[in-house]
Amino acid sequence: MCLPLFKGPKVMGQLAPQLFQCQVCVIPSLSHLQGAGKRSRVHFKCAICIWNLLLSTLNMRSKELSLSVKQAIIRLKKQNKPIREIAKTLGVAKSTVWNILKKKERTGELSNTKRSGRPRKTTVVDDRRILSLVKKTPFTTVGQIKNTLQEVGVCVSKSTIRRRLHQSEYRGFTTRCKPLVSLKNRKARLEFAKQHLKKPSEFWNNILWTDETKINLYQSDGKRRVWRRKGTAHDPKHTTSSVKHGGGSVMAWACMAANGTGSLVFIDDVTADKSSRMNSEVFQAILSAHIQPNASELIGRRFTVQMDNDPKHTAKATKEFFKGKKWNVMQWPSQSPDLNPIEHAFHLLKTKLKGKCPKNKQELKTVAVEAWQSITRDETQRLVMSMRSRLQAVIDCKGFATKY
C-alpha cells in the first residue's frame, strides 16, 4: 500500500521531477492512479521520495535547513524559477532562499558553517596559569586550582578546569609506587650506569643473578571487571575472594642467568627452626650449596655473582665468605630493583602461579618450582639483554627510578 500523498499525487508528480531531476520515476496522473487496479513498486518508490521531501519541508521551523532542501533550492533556481515561486513551493521564507543562493554564489558551499557557541570562560593567560600550576605541583587537585584562580579573580567550575587540562593532553592517573632514591643513591646509580652502559653482551651472559622473593599462597588477580545488573554488586557470583596476608607465604631464594633459571630454594627448608627469617649464616649456607652448581651449569667456570645491598648480603661475615670462596661479586648500587632482571623473572613466576590453587604451603612450593623451571631460556635471555636499555633509562632519568 502506498503512503498517503498530501496535496494529491498529481501536484506532487509535477513537483518531483523539478526537484530531483530524473532521480525518481515519473508519477502518473491522479486519474491513472484511480483507474489502476494494481499499484506497481515504482509508484511506491516515488511516494517514498516525496514523503522524505515532505518531512524535510515540515522541519522548516528548525534553525537550519537540511541539505536536501538547500539542494532543491539550487535545482529550482537552475530551472530559472523566481525566488518567490521557490519559496512558495518549498514553504520557506524568500529571504532564506535569497541567502542560500548568495552563499552558494559566494562560497560554493551549502553546508552549515560552524557556530562560535558560548564564549570561553577562560582566556589564554588563564589556560597557561592552569597548566603552570599542574606542571609545578602535579599532585595538586582541581579544587585547589579553582581556589587559586579565584584569588586572582577568575571564577570557573571544576569541569572547565578539567577540560582545559584534557585539551593539553593531561589526564589523572594512579601514581606508580617506586623506591625512594636519595641523592647519594642517585649518584651511585648514575655512575654505575655510565660505567656499564657500553659493556658487551658477553659480560652480561657471565653474571649469575640472585635475589629473594616472597610467594603468597593466594596470588592476587588484581582488579577484575564483571558484567552485572544494578543492585547485585555483593552477589557471590559477582565478587572476588581475598584473604589476609595472602593466606600464608613462603620466602624463596633464586638465581638465574641468560641461559635459563637456576635453583629455587625455600628459606624454611634451610633454617633450623623452620622459619622464613634469613640471616648471614643461612645466606652463606644457601650460597655454599647452590652458587657453584648453578654457575657451572648455566655459565661455566668464569662467572660473577650479583646481589643487592641487603644487610645480610653486605654483612662482614658474608664478605669474608666470598673472599674465601674467591668468587667475583658485582658492586651493585642501592635502591636499584629496576636494574635487576631477576625482579622481572619473579614477576613471570607469580604470573604463572595465577590460576593455580594450592591448598597448603607444601603444594605452593611444588607449583612454584614447576613455574620457575617453566620460564624459558628465551625469556631469561631477553631479560638479561635488556640491561643496556635499563642503564640508559637510569641516565635519562638522572638517577631516579625508571619504568622498569
Protein backbone atom coordinates (compact mmCIF):
# COMPACT_ATOMS: atom_id res chain seq x y z
CA MET A 1 0.00 0.00 0.00
CA CYS A 2 1.38 3.40 -1.00
CA LEU A 3 1.95 6.13 1.54
CA PRO A 4 -0.65 8.95 1.55
CA LEU A 5 0.41 11.91 -0.55
CA PHE A 6 -0.52 15.39 0.62
CA LYS A 7 -1.74 17.92 -1.99
CA GLY A 8 -2.64 14.97 -4.23
CA PRO A 9 -0.42 12.77 -6.39
CA LYS A 10 -0.94 14.95 -9.47
CA VAL A 11 0.60 18.02 -7.85
CA MET A 12 3.43 16.08 -6.28
CA GLY A 13 4.06 14.25 -9.52
CA GLN A 14 4.59 17.55 -11.26
CA LEU A 15 6.88 18.78 -8.47
CA ALA A 16 9.09 15.73 -8.10
CA PRO A 17 10.90 15.85 -11.49
CA GLN A 18 11.72 19.52 -10.90
CA LEU A 19 13.26 18.84 -7.51
CA PHE A 20 15.05 15.60 -8.19
CA GLN A 21 15.83 15.92 -11.93
CA CYS A 22 15.01 12.38 -13.02
CA GLN A 23 16.28 10.85 -9.79
CA VAL A 24 12.78 9.49 -9.27
CA CYS A 25 10.48 7.97 -11.82
CA VAL A 26 7.58 9.88 -13.36
CA ILE A 27 4.41 9.68 -11.23
CA PRO A 28 1.24 9.09 -13.23
CA SER A 29 -1.72 11.39 -13.06
CA LEU A 30 -4.49 11.13 -10.46
CA SER A 31 -6.96 9.64 -12.94
CA HIS A 32 -4.45 6.99 -13.98
CA LEU A 33 -3.81 6.07 -10.35
CA GLN A 34 -7.52 5.86 -9.59
CA GLY A 35 -8.15 3.64 -12.57
CA ALA A 36 -5.28 1.28 -11.97
CA GLY A 37 -6.25 -1.99 -10.37
CA LYS A 38 -2.73 -2.70 -9.09
CA ARG A 39 -0.12 -0.27 -7.94
CA SER A 40 3.41 -1.03 -9.12
CA ARG A 41 6.55 -0.94 -6.99
CA VAL A 42 7.70 2.11 -8.95
CA HIS A 43 4.80 4.19 -7.62
CA PHE A 44 5.71 3.21 -4.09
CA LYS A 45 9.32 4.34 -4.59
CA CYS A 46 8.12 7.68 -5.89
CA ALA A 47 5.88 8.11 -2.89
CA ILE A 48 8.80 7.40 -0.55
CA CYS A 49 10.95 10.05 -2.22
CA ILE A 50 8.22 12.67 -2.00
CA TRP A 51 7.44 11.65 1.56
CA ASN A 52 11.06 12.30 2.55
CA LEU A 53 10.90 15.70 0.91
CA LEU A 54 7.72 16.50 2.80
CA LEU A 55 9.28 15.50 6.09
CA SER A 56 12.24 17.79 5.47
CA THR A 57 9.85 20.58 4.49
CA LEU A 58 7.84 20.16 7.67
CA ASN A 59 11.03 20.74 9.64
CA MET A 60 11.48 24.23 8.23
CA ARG A 61 10.91 25.77 11.63
CA SER A 62 14.28 24.47 12.85
CA LYS A 63 17.24 26.81 12.98
CA GLU A 64 18.99 25.24 10.00
CA LEU A 65 17.64 23.86 6.76
CA SER A 66 18.51 20.33 5.76
CA LEU A 67 20.96 19.77 2.94
CA SER A 68 18.29 18.20 0.71
CA VAL A 69 16.12 21.35 0.87
CA LYS A 70 19.10 23.55 0.03
CA GLN A 71 19.88 21.35 -2.95
CA ALA A 72 16.24 21.61 -4.05
CA ILE A 73 16.51 25.42 -3.95
CA ILE A 74 19.60 25.29 -6.18
CA ARG A 75 17.88 22.94 -8.67
CA LEU A 76 14.80 25.12 -8.93
CA LYS A 77 16.98 28.20 -9.41
CA LYS A 78 18.83 26.45 -12.25
CA GLN A 79 15.41 25.97 -13.86
CA ASN A 80 15.04 29.78 -13.81
CA LYS A 81 12.33 29.72 -11.19
CA PRO A 82 11.84 33.07 -9.41
CA ILE A 83 12.66 33.34 -5.72
CA ARG A 84 9.02 33.95 -4.81
CA GLU A 85 7.92 30.73 -6.52
CA ILE A 86 10.78 28.72 -4.97
CA ALA A 87 9.88 29.99 -1.50
CA LYS A 88 6.19 29.20 -2.04
CA THR A 89 6.94 25.73 -3.42
CA LEU A 90 9.20 24.67 -0.57
CA GLY A 91 7.43 26.60 2.17
CA VAL A 92 10.38 28.73 3.24
CA ALA A 93 10.88 32.47 3.50
CA LYS A 94 12.03 34.46 0.48
CA SER A 95 14.93 35.89 2.47
CA THR A 96 16.06 32.37 3.32
CA VAL A 97 16.09 31.37 -0.36
CA TRP A 98 17.95 34.55 -1.26
CA ASN A 99 20.58 33.99 1.48
CA ILE A 100 21.18 30.38 0.39
CA LEU A 101 21.62 31.41 -3.25
CA LYS A 102 24.03 34.18 -2.28
CA LYS A 103 26.04 31.85 -0.08
CA LYS A 104 26.28 29.30 -2.90
CA GLU A 105 27.41 32.05 -5.28
CA ARG A 106 29.95 33.43 -2.80
CA THR A 107 31.49 30.28 -1.26
CA GLY A 108 30.26 27.43 -3.44
CA GLU A 109 29.19 25.55 -0.28
CA LEU A 110 25.81 24.59 1.10
CA SER A 111 26.89 23.06 4.40
CA ASN A 112 26.20 24.99 7.55
CA THR A 113 29.18 26.83 8.97
CA LYS A 114 30.32 26.01 12.49
CA ARG A 115 28.93 28.46 15.00
CA SER A 116 31.04 30.07 17.68
CA GLY A 117 28.87 28.89 20.54
CA ARG A 118 29.21 30.16 24.06
CA PRO A 119 32.35 32.28 24.61
CA ARG A 120 35.20 30.63 26.50
CA LYS A 121 35.15 31.29 30.22
CA THR A 122 38.95 31.41 30.42
CA THR A 123 41.47 33.45 28.48
CA VAL A 124 44.78 32.27 27.07
CA VAL A 125 46.51 33.64 30.17
CA ASP A 126 44.15 31.67 32.42
CA ASP A 127 44.85 28.47 30.47
CA ARG A 128 48.59 28.99 30.88
CA ARG A 129 48.13 29.61 34.59
CA ILE A 130 46.25 26.29 34.96
CA LEU A 131 48.99 24.40 33.11
CA SER A 132 51.75 26.07 35.12
CA LEU A 133 50.06 25.05 38.39
CA VAL A 134 49.90 21.42 37.25
CA LYS A 135 53.47 21.40 35.97
CA LYS A 136 54.79 22.95 39.17
CA THR A 137 52.73 20.73 41.50
CA PRO A 138 51.50 17.59 39.68
CA PHE A 139 49.73 16.34 42.83
CA THR A 140 47.50 19.42 43.07
CA THR A 141 43.74 18.83 42.88
CA VAL A 142 41.15 20.51 40.67
CA GLY A 143 39.62 22.12 43.76
CA GLN A 144 42.95 23.65 44.73
CA ILE A 145 43.40 25.01 41.21
CA LYS A 146 39.91 26.51 41.39
CA ASN A 147 40.72 28.26 44.68
CA THR A 148 43.99 29.59 43.27
CA LEU A 149 42.19 31.04 40.24
CA GLN A 150 39.58 32.67 42.45
CA GLU A 151 42.34 34.52 44.28
CA VAL A 152 43.22 36.29 41.02
CA GLY A 153 39.60 36.97 40.10
CA VAL A 154 38.95 34.03 37.75
CA CYS A 155 35.78 32.10 38.70
CA VAL A 156 35.42 28.88 36.73
CA SER A 157 33.98 25.45 37.51
CA LYS A 158 35.94 22.27 38.12
CA SER A 159 34.61 20.86 34.84
CA THR A 160 36.10 23.80 32.93
CA ILE A 161 39.48 23.23 34.57
CA ARG A 162 39.37 19.52 33.65
CA ARG A 163 38.51 20.38 30.05
CA ARG A 164 41.46 22.76 29.80
CA LEU A 165 43.78 20.07 31.17
CA HIS A 166 42.34 17.45 28.82
CA GLN A 167 42.83 19.78 25.87
CA SER A 168 46.52 19.97 26.83
CA GLU A 169 46.65 16.13 26.98
CA TYR A 170 46.77 15.97 30.78
CA ARG A 171 44.89 13.09 32.43
CA GLY A 172 44.59 11.91 36.00
CA PHE A 173 46.33 8.60 36.72
CA THR A 174 47.12 6.48 39.73
CA THR A 175 50.69 7.09 40.89
CA ARG A 176 53.28 4.36 40.46
CA CYS A 177 55.00 3.26 43.65
CA LYS A 178 58.79 3.41 43.32
CA PRO A 179 61.67 3.06 45.83
CA LEU A 180 62.89 6.25 47.47
CA VAL A 181 66.19 7.22 45.83
CA SER A 182 68.34 9.59 47.87
CA LEU A 183 70.91 11.96 46.37
CA LYS A 184 73.71 9.59 47.34
CA ASN A 185 71.96 6.66 45.67
CA ARG A 186 71.23 8.74 42.58
CA LYS A 187 74.92 9.48 42.12
CA ALA A 188 75.80 5.81 42.63
CA ARG A 189 73.16 4.71 40.12
CA LEU A 190 74.35 7.21 37.54
CA GLU A 191 77.97 6.20 37.98
CA PHE A 192 77.10 2.51 37.69
CA ALA A 193 75.02 3.11 34.57
CA LYS A 194 77.73 5.09 32.83
CA GLN A 195 80.40 2.52 33.68
CA HIS A 196 78.40 -0.47 32.39
CA LEU A 197 76.45 1.07 29.51
CA LYS A 198 78.97 0.01 26.86
CA LYS A 199 79.58 -3.48 28.25
CA PRO A 200 79.20 -6.20 25.58
CA SER A 201 76.59 -8.93 25.78
CA GLU A 202 79.27 -11.47 26.82
CA PHE A 203 79.74 -9.51 30.04
CA TRP A 204 76.06 -9.85 31.00
CA ASN A 205 75.95 -13.51 29.94
CA ASN A 206 78.59 -14.35 32.59
CA ILE A 207 76.56 -12.94 35.52
CA LEU A 208 74.60 -15.13 37.93
CA TRP A 209 71.68 -13.01 39.13
CA THR A 210 70.42 -13.76 42.66
CA ASP A 211 67.71 -12.40 44.93
CA GLU A 212 64.96 -13.33 47.39
CA THR A 213 61.20 -13.06 46.93
CA LYS A 214 58.01 -13.70 48.85
CA ILE A 215 55.39 -16.02 47.34
CA ASN A 216 51.85 -15.89 48.73
CA LEU A 217 49.61 -18.93 48.95
CA TYR A 218 46.81 -16.98 47.25
CA GLN A 219 48.03 -14.88 44.37
CA SER A 220 46.32 -11.56 43.72
CA ASP A 221 44.42 -11.39 40.45
CA GLY A 222 44.42 -7.60 40.51
CA LYS A 223 41.35 -5.61 39.53
CA ARG A 224 38.80 -7.57 37.52
CA ARG A 225 35.66 -6.46 35.69
CA VAL A 226 32.32 -8.25 35.85
CA TRP A 227 29.04 -7.95 33.95
CA ARG A 228 26.19 -7.48 36.42
CA ARG A 229 22.98 -5.57 36.96
CA LYS A 230 22.45 -2.70 39.35
CA GLY A 231 21.98 -3.83 42.93
CA THR A 232 23.82 -7.17 42.52
CA ALA A 233 27.32 -5.99 43.47
CA HIS A 234 27.50 -8.24 46.54
CA ASP A 235 26.20 -11.37 44.84
CA PRO A 236 28.80 -14.17 45.35
CA LYS A 237 28.87 -14.68 41.59
CA HIS A 238 29.98 -11.07 41.12
CA THR A 239 32.69 -10.81 43.80
CA THR A 240 36.31 -11.95 44.14
CA SER A 241 37.67 -13.52 47.30
CA SER A 242 40.58 -12.24 49.37
CA VAL A 243 42.40 -13.42 52.49
CA LYS A 244 44.58 -11.53 54.94
CA HIS A 245 48.31 -11.50 54.27
CA GLY A 246 47.90 -13.75 51.22
CA GLY A 247 46.69 -16.70 53.31
CA GLY A 248 50.26 -17.60 54.21
CA SER A 249 53.50 -17.28 52.29
CA VAL A 250 56.97 -18.72 51.77
CA MET A 251 60.28 -16.91 51.28
CA ALA A 252 62.48 -18.18 48.48
CA TRP A 253 66.00 -17.54 47.18
CA ALA A 254 66.59 -18.00 43.46
CA CYS A 255 69.21 -17.48 40.81
CA MET A 256 69.19 -17.16 37.04
CA ALA A 257 71.44 -16.38 34.11
CA ALA A 258 70.98 -15.56 30.46
CA ASN A 259 70.90 -19.29 29.66
CA GLY A 260 67.95 -20.02 31.98
CA THR A 261 66.76 -20.24 35.56
CA GLY A 262 68.65 -21.96 38.36
CA SER A 263 67.58 -23.26 41.75
CA LEU A 264 64.57 -22.04 43.74
CA VAL A 265 65.38 -22.58 47.43
CA PHE A 266 62.84 -22.05 50.21
CA ILE A 267 64.25 -20.43 53.35
CA ASP A 268 62.25 -22.50 55.83
CA ASP A 269 63.80 -25.66 54.37
CA VAL A 270 67.26 -24.38 55.35
CA THR A 271 66.70 -22.76 58.75
CA ALA A 272 66.90 -24.92 61.87
CA ASP A 273 63.65 -23.59 63.37
CA LYS A 274 61.75 -23.90 60.04
CA SER A 275 61.19 -20.13 59.91
CA SER A 276 61.48 -17.84 56.89
CA ARG A 277 63.89 -15.46 58.61
CA MET A 278 67.22 -15.44 56.83
CA ASN A 279 70.41 -14.10 58.41
CA SER A 280 74.01 -14.10 57.22
CA GLU A 281 74.61 -17.71 58.29
CA VAL A 282 71.56 -19.04 56.45
CA PHE A 283 72.51 -16.95 53.43
CA GLN A 284 76.02 -18.42 53.39
CA ALA A 285 74.63 -21.95 53.66
CA ILE A 286 72.42 -21.37 50.61
CA LEU A 287 75.29 -19.88 48.61
CA SER A 288 77.64 -22.75 49.51
CA ALA A 289 75.13 -25.32 48.28
CA HIS A 290 73.80 -23.63 45.13
CA ILE A 291 76.13 -20.99 43.67
CA GLN A 292 78.81 -23.26 42.23
CA PRO A 293 76.47 -25.94 40.76
CA ASN A 294 74.18 -23.37 39.12
CA ALA A 295 77.05 -21.28 37.79
CA SER A 296 78.74 -24.36 36.30
CA GLU A 297 75.52 -25.43 34.58
CA LEU A 298 74.36 -22.03 33.32
CA ILE A 299 77.63 -20.11 32.73
CA GLY A 300 80.83 -22.06 33.20
CA ARG A 301 83.97 -21.66 35.25
CA ARG A 302 84.23 -17.88 34.98
CA PHE A 303 81.20 -16.11 36.44
CA THR A 304 80.23 -13.08 38.51
CA VAL A 305 77.70 -13.15 41.33
CA GLN A 306 75.19 -10.32 41.50
CA MET A 307 73.20 -9.46 44.62
CA ASP A 308 71.64 -6.34 46.07
CA ASN A 309 72.73 -4.44 49.17
CA ASP A 310 70.52 -6.20 51.70
CA PRO A 311 72.15 -6.16 55.19
CA LYS A 312 72.70 -9.93 55.17
CA HIS A 313 74.39 -9.59 51.78
CA THR A 314 76.76 -6.87 52.92
CA ALA A 315 77.49 -8.24 56.39
CA LYS A 316 81.14 -8.58 57.33
CA ALA A 317 80.83 -12.36 57.67
CA THR A 318 79.30 -12.59 54.19
CA LYS A 319 82.14 -10.55 52.69
CA GLU A 320 84.69 -12.84 54.35
CA PHE A 321 82.79 -15.80 52.96
CA PHE A 322 83.03 -14.50 49.39
CA LYS A 323 86.70 -13.69 49.86
CA GLY A 324 87.35 -17.26 50.98
CA LYS A 325 85.45 -18.69 48.02
CA LYS A 326 87.29 -16.33 45.64
CA TRP A 327 84.08 -15.53 43.80
CA ASN A 328 83.82 -12.32 41.85
CA VAL A 329 80.96 -10.17 43.21
CA MET A 330 79.48 -7.27 41.25
CA GLN A 331 79.30 -3.94 43.05
CA TRP A 332 75.60 -3.08 42.95
CA PRO A 333 74.04 0.35 43.61
CA SER A 334 71.46 0.56 46.40
CA GLN A 335 67.73 1.01 45.74
CA SER A 336 68.03 -0.37 42.20
CA PRO A 337 65.48 -3.17 41.71
CA ASP A 338 64.67 -1.67 38.32
CA LEU A 339 68.16 -2.65 37.15
CA ASN A 340 67.88 -6.28 38.26
CA PRO A 341 66.35 -8.56 35.58
CA ILE A 342 65.60 -11.29 38.15
CA GLU A 343 62.91 -9.00 39.58
CA HIS A 344 61.02 -9.37 36.32
CA ALA A 345 61.67 -13.11 36.36
CA PHE A 346 59.92 -13.21 39.74
CA HIS A 347 57.03 -11.34 38.16
CA LEU A 348 56.83 -14.03 35.48
CA LEU A 349 56.86 -16.67 38.20
CA LYS A 350 53.95 -15.12 40.07
CA THR A 351 52.04 -14.61 36.85
CA LYS A 352 52.35 -18.31 36.08
CA LEU A 353 51.06 -19.10 39.59
CA LYS A 354 47.79 -17.29 38.92
CA GLY A 355 45.09 -19.85 38.31
CA LYS A 356 46.87 -22.44 40.42
CA CYS A 357 45.03 -23.42 43.60
CA PRO A 358 47.50 -24.90 46.11
CA LYS A 359 45.84 -25.86 49.37
CA ASN A 360 48.86 -25.53 51.64
CA LYS A 361 52.46 -24.34 51.68
CA GLN A 362 53.84 -27.67 50.54
CA GLU A 363 51.69 -27.64 47.41
CA LEU A 364 52.64 -24.00 46.92
CA LYS A 365 56.32 -24.94 46.90
CA THR A 366 55.70 -27.68 44.36
CA VAL A 367 53.83 -25.49 41.90
CA ALA A 368 56.30 -22.62 42.44
CA VAL A 369 59.26 -24.82 41.49
CA GLU A 370 57.39 -26.01 38.39
CA ALA A 371 56.53 -22.44 37.41
CA TRP A 372 60.14 -21.28 37.96
CA GLN A 373 61.50 -24.10 35.81
CA SER A 374 58.93 -23.37 33.10
CA ILE A 375 60.49 -19.96 32.40
CA THR A 376 62.20 -20.47 29.07
CA ARG A 377 65.73 -19.62 28.02
CA ASP A 378 64.38 -17.08 25.53
CA GLU A 379 62.64 -15.22 28.35
CA THR A 380 65.72 -15.07 30.56
CA GLN A 381 67.89 -14.11 27.58
CA ARG A 382 65.55 -11.25 26.75
CA LEU A 383 65.58 -10.03 30.35
CA VAL A 384 69.37 -10.06 30.62
CA MET A 385 69.81 -8.40 27.24
CA SER A 386 67.59 -5.53 28.42
CA MET A 387 70.39 -4.29 30.69
CA ARG A 388 71.58 -1.70 28.20
CA SER A 389 68.06 -0.23 27.97
CA ARG A 390 67.78 -0.24 31.76
CA LEU A 391 71.08 1.58 32.18
CA GLN A 392 70.16 4.12 29.52
CA ALA A 393 66.85 4.73 31.29
CA VAL A 394 68.73 5.48 34.54
CA ILE A 395 70.89 8.01 32.70
CA ASP A 396 67.85 9.61 31.07
CA CYS A 397 66.09 9.86 34.46
CA LYS A 398 69.25 11.34 36.04
CA GLY A 399 69.47 8.57 38.58
CA PHE A 400 65.82 8.48 39.62
CA ALA A 401 63.65 5.35 39.43
CA THR A 402 62.80 4.23 35.89
CA LYS A 403 59.85 2.47 34.27
CA TYR A 404 61.46 -0.96 34.74
